[in-house]
Protein backbone atom coordinates (compact mmCIF):
# COMPACT_ATOMS: atom_id res chain seq x y z
CA MET A 1 22.75 -12.70 -4.17
CA ALA A 2 19.31 -13.26 -2.73
CA PRO A 3 17.58 -16.50 -3.79
CA ALA A 4 15.75 -16.52 -7.11
CA ALA A 5 12.43 -17.12 -5.34
CA ALA A 6 12.88 -13.90 -3.37
CA TRP A 7 13.54 -11.93 -6.57
CA VAL A 8 10.41 -13.38 -8.17
CA LEU A 9 8.38 -12.51 -5.07
CA ALA A 10 9.75 -8.95 -5.05
CA GLY A 11 8.89 -8.54 -8.73
CA LEU A 12 5.35 -9.83 -8.22
CA LEU A 13 4.84 -7.50 -5.24
CA LEU A 14 5.84 -4.51 -7.36
CA LEU A 15 3.68 -5.69 -10.27
CA LEU A 16 0.58 -6.12 -8.12
CA ALA A 17 1.21 -2.81 -6.37
CA GLY A 18 1.21 -1.19 -9.80
CA VAL A 19 -2.02 -2.98 -10.74
CA CYS A 20 -3.71 -1.79 -7.55
CA LEU A 21 -2.67 1.81 -8.00
CA LEU A 22 -3.00 2.23 -11.77
CA GLN A 23 -6.09 0.14 -12.51
CA ARG A 24 -9.10 2.43 -12.91
CA HIS A 25 -11.52 -0.51 -12.71
CA LEU A 26 -11.95 -0.49 -8.93
CA TRP A 27 -13.13 -4.08 -8.57
CA ARG A 28 -9.99 -5.36 -10.28
CA ALA A 29 -7.83 -2.95 -8.26
CA CYS A 30 -9.26 -4.31 -5.00
CA GLN A 31 -8.81 -7.88 -6.20
CA GLY A 32 -5.20 -6.96 -6.96
CA PHE A 33 -4.82 -5.76 -3.37
CA VAL A 34 -6.07 -9.09 -2.03
CA ALA A 35 -3.47 -10.88 -4.17
CA PHE A 36 -0.82 -8.40 -3.00
CA ALA A 37 -1.65 -9.08 0.66
CA LEU A 38 -1.37 -12.84 0.08
CA LEU A 39 2.06 -12.31 -1.47
CA MET A 40 2.99 -10.24 1.58
CA SER A 41 2.16 -13.33 3.65
CA LEU A 42 4.70 -15.26 1.58
CA ALA A 43 7.23 -12.50 2.19
CA TRP A 44 6.79 -12.88 5.95
CA LEU A 45 7.25 -16.62 5.59
CA LEU A 46 10.52 -16.02 3.73
CA LEU A 47 11.62 -13.78 6.58
CA GLY A 48 10.85 -16.52 9.11
CA ALA A 49 7.74 -14.94 10.64
CA PRO A 50 4.90 -17.48 10.20
CA TRP A 51 2.58 -15.83 12.73
CA LEU A 52 3.00 -12.50 10.96
CA ALA A 53 2.22 -14.27 7.68
CA LEU A 54 -1.01 -15.57 9.22
CA ALA A 55 -1.89 -12.10 10.53
CA GLU A 56 -1.26 -10.58 7.08
CA ALA A 57 -3.50 -13.15 5.42
CA LEU A 58 -6.27 -12.56 7.96
CA LEU A 59 -6.07 -8.80 8.56
CA GLY A 60 -4.73 -7.77 5.16
CA ALA A 61 -6.15 -10.12 2.53
CA LEU A 62 -9.35 -11.34 4.19
CA LEU A 63 -10.56 -8.40 6.29
CA THR A 64 -9.06 -5.30 4.63
CA GLY A 65 -9.33 -6.71 1.10
CA GLY A 66 -12.83 -7.98 1.78
CA LEU A 67 -13.82 -4.59 3.19
CA LEU A 68 -12.60 -2.77 0.09
CA LEU A 69 -14.51 -5.15 -2.17
CA TRP A 70 -17.60 -4.84 0.04
CA THR A 71 -17.40 -1.03 -0.25
CA LEU A 72 -18.12 -1.33 -3.98
CA ARG A 73 -21.28 -3.36 -3.42
CA GLY A 74 -23.39 -0.94 -1.38
CA ARG A 75 -25.80 -2.01 1.32
CA GLY A 76 -29.30 -0.90 2.30
CA ALA A 77 -29.63 2.88 2.05
CA LEU A 78 -26.03 3.16 0.85
CA PRO A 79 -25.98 3.12 -2.97
CA ARG A 80 -23.51 1.04 -4.91
CA LEU A 81 -20.30 2.84 -5.86
CA PRO A 82 -19.40 3.02 -9.57
CA THR A 83 -16.87 0.30 -10.33
CA LEU A 84 -15.00 2.49 -12.83
CA ASP A 85 -13.08 5.54 -11.66
CA ARG A 86 -14.09 8.34 -14.01
CA THR A 87 -12.70 11.19 -11.93
CA ALA A 88 -10.50 13.64 -13.81
CA ARG A 89 -6.79 13.58 -13.10
CA ARG A 90 -5.23 16.40 -11.11
CA GLY A 91 -4.03 19.49 -12.90
CA ARG A 92 -0.52 19.58 -14.27
CA LEU A 93 0.50 22.71 -12.37
CA ALA A 94 0.74 20.88 -9.04
CA ALA A 95 2.58 17.84 -10.47
CA PRO A 96 6.16 19.22 -10.17
CA LEU A 97 5.67 20.05 -6.50
CA ARG A 98 4.20 16.60 -5.76
CA TRP A 99 7.08 14.87 -7.53
CA LEU A 100 9.61 17.06 -5.71
CA LEU A 101 8.11 16.14 -2.35
CA ILE A 102 8.00 12.42 -3.21
CA LEU A 103 11.56 12.36 -4.54
CA THR A 104 12.80 14.32 -1.52
CA TRP A 105 11.12 11.86 0.83
CA LEU A 106 12.54 8.85 -1.01
CA GLY A 107 15.95 10.52 -1.05
CA LEU A 108 15.84 10.87 2.73
CA ILE A 109 14.96 7.18 3.02
CA ALA A 110 17.82 6.20 0.71
CA THR A 111 20.21 8.37 2.75
CA ALA A 112 19.04 6.68 5.93
CA LEU A 113 19.54 3.23 4.37
CA VAL A 114 23.08 4.10 3.31
CA GLY A 115 23.77 5.49 6.77
CA LEU A 116 22.52 2.29 8.42
CA LEU A 117 23.86 -0.29 5.97
CA GLY A 118 26.83 1.56 4.49
CA LEU A 119 27.65 1.61 0.78
CA GLU A 120 26.45 -2.00 0.56
CA ALA A 121 22.94 -0.55 0.39
CA LEU A 122 23.75 0.66 -3.14
CA ALA A 123 24.84 -2.80 -4.34
CA PRO A 124 22.45 -5.54 -5.54
CA PRO A 125 20.75 -7.07 -2.46
CA ALA A 126 22.70 -10.03 -1.11
CA SER A 127 20.01 -11.32 1.24
CA VAL A 128 16.25 -11.71 1.41
CA THR A 129 15.93 -9.03 4.08
CA THR A 130 17.78 -6.35 2.10
CA LEU A 131 15.95 -7.28 -1.10
CA LEU A 132 12.56 -6.96 0.56
CA ALA A 133 13.63 -3.71 2.23
CA ALA A 134 14.54 -2.30 -1.20
CA THR A 135 11.20 -3.55 -2.54
CA GLY A 136 9.48 -1.81 0.36
CA VAL A 137 11.12 1.51 -0.58
CA LEU A 138 9.83 1.19 -4.15
CA ILE A 139 6.33 0.28 -2.93
CA MET A 140 6.39 3.29 -0.60
CA GLY A 141 7.27 5.50 -3.57
CA LEU A 142 4.38 4.09 -5.60
CA GLY A 143 2.01 4.54 -2.66
CA LEU A 144 3.07 8.14 -2.08
CA TRP A 145 2.70 8.95 -5.76
CA ALA A 146 -0.77 7.40 -5.95
CA PHE A 147 -1.98 9.01 -2.72
CA SER A 148 -0.91 12.45 -3.94
CA THR A 149 -2.26 12.10 -7.50
CA GLN A 150 -5.43 9.99 -7.21
CA ARG A 151 -8.65 11.79 -6.33
CA HIS A 152 -11.03 8.83 -5.85
CA LEU A 153 -11.13 8.09 -2.13
CA LEU A 154 -11.19 4.32 -2.58
CA ARG A 155 -8.01 4.52 -4.64
CA ARG A 156 -6.48 6.61 -1.87
CA LEU A 157 -7.40 3.88 0.61
CA LEU A 158 -5.56 1.39 -1.60
CA ALA A 159 -2.54 3.70 -1.72
CA PHE A 160 -2.69 4.12 2.07
CA ASN A 161 -2.59 0.37 2.63
CA LEU A 162 0.19 -0.22 0.09
CA LEU A 163 2.26 2.58 1.59
CA GLY A 164 1.92 0.87 4.98
CA SER A 165 3.02 -2.45 3.51
CA GLY A 166 6.12 -0.78 2.10
CA VAL A 167 6.92 0.68 5.52
CA PHE A 168 6.56 -2.77 7.11
CA LEU A 169 8.96 -4.33 4.59
CA VAL A 170 11.55 -1.62 5.15
CA LEU A 171 11.22 -1.97 8.92
CA ALA A 172 11.60 -5.76 8.82
CA GLY A 173 14.43 -5.52 6.30
CA LEU A 174 16.45 -3.06 8.40
CA ALA A 175 15.81 -4.40 11.88
CA GLY A 176 15.03 -8.06 11.13
CA PRO A 177 11.75 -9.82 11.96
CA GLY A 178 12.42 -9.95 15.70
CA ALA A 179 9.70 -10.12 18.32
CA GLU A 180 9.57 -6.34 18.80
CA ILE A 181 9.40 -5.69 15.07
CA ARG A 182 6.69 -8.31 14.61
CA GLY A 183 4.69 -6.60 17.36
CA LEU A 184 5.03 -3.21 15.67
CA ILE A 185 4.01 -4.62 12.30
CA LEU A 186 1.03 -6.42 13.84
CA ILE A 187 -0.11 -3.17 15.45
CA GLY A 188 0.37 -1.47 12.09
CA LEU A 189 -1.84 -4.06 10.38
CA VAL A 190 -4.58 -3.48 12.95
CA VAL A 191 -4.30 0.31 12.57
CA ALA A 192 -4.43 -0.03 8.76
CA LEU A 193 -7.56 -2.16 9.04
CA LEU A 194 -9.26 0.32 11.38
CA GLY A 195 -8.24 3.22 9.14
CA SER A 196 -9.66 1.40 6.13
CA VAL A 197 -12.94 0.75 7.96
CA LEU A 198 -13.24 4.43 8.88
CA GLY A 199 -12.28 5.57 5.38
CA ALA A 200 -14.73 3.18 3.71
CA ALA A 201 -17.55 4.27 6.03
CA LEU A 202 -16.90 7.95 5.30
CA LEU A 203 -16.68 7.28 1.57
CA LEU A 204 -20.00 5.43 1.52
CA ARG A 205 -21.70 8.14 3.57
CA LEU A 206 -20.28 10.90 1.35
CA HIS A 207 -21.42 9.08 -1.78
CA ALA A 208 -24.90 8.47 -0.33
CA ARG A 209 -25.46 12.07 0.76
CA ALA A 210 -23.65 14.09 -1.90
CA GLY A 211 -23.07 11.63 -4.75
CA GLN A 212 -19.31 12.28 -4.46
CA VAL A 213 -16.33 9.93 -4.40
CA THR A 214 -13.78 12.74 -3.96
CA LEU A 215 -13.29 15.63 -1.57
CA ASN A 216 -12.82 18.19 -4.33
CA PRO A 217 -16.14 20.05 -4.19
CA VAL A 218 -15.80 20.45 -0.43
CA PHE A 219 -12.11 21.00 0.18
CA GLY A 220 -10.70 21.69 -3.25
CA THR A 221 -8.06 18.95 -3.01
C-alpha cells in the first residue's frame, strides 16, 4: 500500500479540485486553485522531483493563481468582474451526451492504464506513483465535467488548469518523473500559464465591451 501521507495528499487534491470547480464564489474558487497548486508541489516532492515542485509553486500557484485572482479585480478601463457566478446552468437536454463523452473518454484512459500496468491497475495503488496516477484520472474527469458544464469563462479557465494537472499526474505516474517527463510537464506548465493569460485577457475584454462572462450570446454554447 502507498504511504498514508500519499493517501492524505491524494484526498486533499481531490477535495480542493472539487472546491475549485463547484464553488460559485469565484474569489474562493481561485483561492482554492492556489492551494491546489501548492499541494501539487508537494506531490512532485513525493515523486522525487524538487525542481518540478519549485516550478509548480512558481508557475502554478504564484503566477497562474495570482493571474486568476487579479482577473477578478479589474484594472483601469477594464471593469471589475462579479465575484459570484450567477450564470444559469446548461440545459438538461445536452447533459446525457456530455456525460457519455466524458465517461467514454475516462473509459479509454482506464483501458490504457490496464493495458500498460496489467490487472494490477484495478487493485488498490501499491505505490505513490500509481496512487497519484489514479488521482490524476479522477481530477481529469472532474475537469472535463466542469469544462463541459460551466458557462462562466473564468470557471472554464479553472477547469482547463485542473485538467492539465490531472494529465501531468497521470503522465508522471505511468512513466515516472524522469528527466524527459519533467521536461514535458514543465513545458505543459508554461503552456497552461500562457493559455490562462490569453483566456483572462479575452474574458476581461469581452466583459468590458459586451458585459458578458460567457460566450452564449455570441456562439450559443
